Amino acid sequence: MNDPRKIAARLAEIAKERGISQKQISETSNIRETTISRIFTGKFAANSAYLCRIADAVGVRIMFDCDCG
């Protein structure tokens, strides 16, 4: 699953399950809260750097499949 929108949706689910607000994620990840909202609602396809910072804020790791050749 390397689709950024699916990863973001799953991160949003995990954050909700753990009671972590978008504001808390924003403060921890240093990503604007409006950007977090746009990522979680699928209006913005975040790059891997943003997704990893959000994952760290939520307390999970993301593993990407890589076809390098």
N, C-alpha and C. Protein backbone atom coordinates (compact mmCIF):
# COMPACT_ATOMS: atom_id res chain seq x y z
N MET A 1 0.85 -1.18 0.00
CA MET A 1 0.00 0.00 0.00
C MET A 1 0.89 1.24 0.00
N ASN A 2 1.21 1.76 -1.14
CA ASN A 2 2.02 2.97 -1.25
C ASN A 2 1.22 4.19 -1.66
N ASP A 3 -0.09 4.09 -1.69
CA ASP A 3 -0.94 5.21 -2.06
C ASP A 3 -0.98 6.21 -0.90
N PRO A 4 -0.45 7.43 -1.10
CA PRO A 4 -0.39 8.40 -0.01
C PRO A 4 -1.76 8.71 0.62
N ARG A 5 -2.81 8.70 -0.18
CA ARG A 5 -4.13 9.01 0.36
C ARG A 5 -4.63 7.88 1.27
N LYS A 6 -4.34 6.64 0.90
CA LYS A 6 -4.73 5.51 1.75
C LYS A 6 -3.93 5.49 3.04
N ILE A 7 -2.65 5.80 2.94
CA ILE A 7 -1.80 5.86 4.13
C ILE A 7 -2.31 6.97 5.06
N ALA A 8 -2.61 8.12 4.49
CA ALA A 8 -3.11 9.24 5.29
C ALA A 8 -4.44 8.89 5.97
N ALA A 9 -5.31 8.21 5.24
CA ALA A 9 -6.59 7.82 5.82
C ALA A 9 -6.38 6.86 6.98
N ARG A 10 -5.44 5.96 6.84
CA ARG A 10 -5.16 5.02 7.93
C ARG A 10 -4.54 5.74 9.12
N LEU A 11 -3.66 6.70 8.87
CA LEU A 11 -3.09 7.49 9.96
C LEU A 11 -4.17 8.27 10.69
N ALA A 12 -5.13 8.80 9.95
CA ALA A 12 -6.25 9.52 10.56
C ALA A 12 -7.06 8.59 11.46
N GLU A 13 -7.29 7.36 10.99
CA GLU A 13 -8.02 6.37 11.80
C GLU A 13 -7.27 6.05 13.09
N ILE A 14 -5.98 5.85 12.98
CA ILE A 14 -5.17 5.52 14.15
C ILE A 14 -5.18 6.69 15.14
N ALA A 15 -5.03 7.90 14.61
CA ALA A 15 -5.05 9.07 15.49
C ALA A 15 -6.37 9.16 16.23
N LYS A 16 -7.46 8.93 15.54
CA LYS A 16 -8.78 8.98 16.16
C LYS A 16 -8.91 7.90 17.24
N GLU A 17 -8.47 6.67 16.91
CA GLU A 17 -8.53 5.57 17.88
C GLU A 17 -7.73 5.88 19.14
N ARG A 18 -6.63 6.59 18.98
CA ARG A 18 -5.75 6.90 20.11
C ARG A 18 -6.09 8.23 20.78
N GLY A 19 -7.08 8.92 20.25
CA GLY A 19 -7.49 10.20 20.84
C GLY A 19 -6.49 11.32 20.62
N ILE A 20 -5.78 11.27 19.51
CA ILE A 20 -4.79 12.29 19.18
C ILE A 20 -5.41 13.27 18.21
N SER A 21 -5.45 14.52 18.58
CA SER A 21 -6.09 15.54 17.74
C SER A 21 -5.16 16.00 16.62
N GLN A 22 -5.76 16.61 15.61
CA GLN A 22 -4.96 17.17 14.52
C GLN A 22 -4.06 18.28 15.05
N LYS A 23 -4.54 19.01 16.04
CA LYS A 23 -3.72 20.07 16.64
C LYS A 23 -2.48 19.46 17.30
N GLN A 24 -2.64 18.36 18.03
CA GLN A 24 -1.50 17.70 18.66
C GLN A 24 -0.53 17.18 17.61
N ILE A 25 -1.06 16.60 16.54
CA ILE A 25 -0.20 16.11 15.45
C ILE A 25 0.56 17.28 14.84
N SER A 26 -0.13 18.38 14.64
CA SER A 26 0.48 19.57 14.07
C SER A 26 1.64 20.06 14.93
N GLU A 27 1.41 20.14 16.22
CA GLU A 27 2.44 20.63 17.14
C GLU A 27 3.64 19.69 17.18
N THR A 28 3.39 18.39 17.16
CA THR A 28 4.47 17.41 17.24
C THR A 28 5.24 17.30 15.93
N SER A 29 4.53 17.35 14.81
CA SER A 29 5.15 17.14 13.50
C SER A 29 5.67 18.43 12.86
N ASN A 30 5.27 19.56 13.41
CA ASN A 30 5.62 20.87 12.84
C ASN A 30 5.07 21.02 11.42
N ILE A 31 3.86 20.50 11.22
CA ILE A 31 3.12 20.66 9.97
C ILE A 31 1.86 21.44 10.34
N ARG A 32 1.52 22.44 9.54
CA ARG A 32 0.34 23.25 9.86
C ARG A 32 -0.91 22.39 10.00
N GLU A 33 -1.75 22.78 10.95
CA GLU A 33 -2.98 22.03 11.20
C GLU A 33 -3.87 21.98 9.96
N THR A 34 -3.92 23.05 9.19
CA THR A 34 -4.74 23.04 7.96
C THR A 34 -4.20 22.03 6.96
N THR A 35 -2.89 21.88 6.92
CA THR A 35 -2.28 20.89 6.02
C THR A 35 -2.61 19.48 6.48
N ILE A 36 -2.55 19.25 7.80
CA ILE A 36 -2.93 17.94 8.35
C ILE A 36 -4.36 17.61 7.94
N SER A 37 -5.25 18.57 8.08
CA SER A 37 -6.66 18.37 7.73
C SER A 37 -6.80 18.02 6.25
N ARG A 38 -6.10 18.74 5.39
CA ARG A 38 -6.17 18.48 3.95
C ARG A 38 -5.61 17.10 3.61
N ILE A 39 -4.57 16.69 4.31
CA ILE A 39 -3.99 15.36 4.08
C ILE A 39 -4.98 14.29 4.52
N PHE A 40 -5.57 14.45 5.71
CA PHE A 40 -6.49 13.45 6.25
C PHE A 40 -7.78 13.34 5.45
N THR A 41 -8.21 14.42 4.82
CA THR A 41 -9.45 14.38 4.04
C THR A 41 -9.21 14.04 2.57
N GLY A 42 -7.96 13.81 2.19
CA GLY A 42 -7.64 13.41 0.83
C GLY A 42 -7.58 14.55 -0.16
N LYS A 43 -7.58 15.78 0.33
CA LYS A 43 -7.50 16.94 -0.56
C LYS A 43 -6.07 17.27 -0.96
N PHE A 44 -5.13 16.64 -0.29
CA PHE A 44 -3.71 16.87 -0.56
C PHE A 44 -2.98 15.54 -0.43
N ALA A 45 -2.29 15.13 -1.46
CA ALA A 45 -1.51 13.89 -1.41
C ALA A 45 -0.13 14.21 -0.87
N ALA A 46 0.09 13.87 0.38
CA ALA A 46 1.34 14.20 1.05
C ALA A 46 2.49 13.34 0.53
N ASN A 47 3.67 13.91 0.57
CA ASN A 47 4.86 13.12 0.21
C ASN A 47 5.27 12.26 1.40
N SER A 48 6.22 11.38 1.18
CA SER A 48 6.62 10.44 2.22
C SER A 48 7.19 11.14 3.45
N ALA A 49 7.85 12.27 3.28
CA ALA A 49 8.41 13.00 4.43
C ALA A 49 7.29 13.48 5.35
N TYR A 50 6.23 14.04 4.78
CA TYR A 50 5.09 14.49 5.60
C TYR A 50 4.43 13.30 6.28
N LEU A 51 4.21 12.23 5.54
CA LEU A 51 3.55 11.06 6.11
C LEU A 51 4.36 10.48 7.25
N CYS A 52 5.67 10.44 7.12
CA CYS A 52 6.52 9.92 8.19
C CYS A 52 6.49 10.81 9.42
N ARG A 53 6.45 12.12 9.23
CA ARG A 53 6.35 13.03 10.38
C ARG A 53 5.02 12.87 11.09
N ILE A 54 3.95 12.68 10.33
CA ILE A 54 2.63 12.44 10.93
C ILE A 54 2.63 11.10 11.66
N ALA A 55 3.20 10.09 11.04
CA ALA A 55 3.26 8.77 11.67
C ALA A 55 4.02 8.83 12.99
N ASP A 56 5.12 9.55 13.01
CA ASP A 56 5.88 9.71 14.26
C ASP A 56 5.00 10.37 15.33
N ALA A 57 4.25 11.38 14.94
CA ALA A 57 3.38 12.09 15.89
C ALA A 57 2.28 11.19 16.43
N VAL A 58 1.84 10.24 15.61
CA VAL A 58 0.78 9.32 16.01
C VAL A 58 1.36 8.12 16.77
N GLY A 59 2.65 7.87 16.60
CA GLY A 59 3.31 6.78 17.30
C GLY A 59 3.35 5.48 16.54
N VAL A 60 3.40 5.58 15.21
CA VAL A 60 3.51 4.38 14.38
C VAL A 60 4.62 4.58 13.36
N ARG A 61 4.96 3.49 12.68
CA ARG A 61 5.95 3.54 11.61
C ARG A 61 5.29 3.18 10.30
N ILE A 62 5.79 3.75 9.24
CA ILE A 62 5.31 3.42 7.90
C ILE A 62 6.43 2.65 7.19
N MET A 63 6.05 1.57 6.56
CA MET A 63 7.01 0.82 5.75
C MET A 63 6.53 0.92 4.30
N PHE A 64 7.39 1.41 3.44
CA PHE A 64 7.07 1.56 2.04
C PHE A 64 7.69 0.41 1.24
N ASP A 65 6.94 -0.07 0.26
CA ASP A 65 7.49 -1.03 -0.70
C ASP A 65 8.31 -0.24 -1.71
N CYS A 66 9.45 -0.74 -2.03
CA CYS A 66 10.31 -0.03 -2.97
C CYS A 66 10.77 -0.97 -4.07
N ASP A 67 10.45 -0.65 -5.31
CA ASP A 67 10.93 -1.41 -6.44
C ASP A 67 12.06 -0.60 -7.07
N CYS A 68 13.26 -0.88 -6.65
CA CYS A 68 14.40 -0.06 -7.03
C CYS A 68 15.18 -0.63 -8.21
N GLY A 69 14.57 -1.48 -8.96
CA GLY A 69 15.33 -1.87 -10.10
C GLY A 69 15.10 -3.22 -10.58
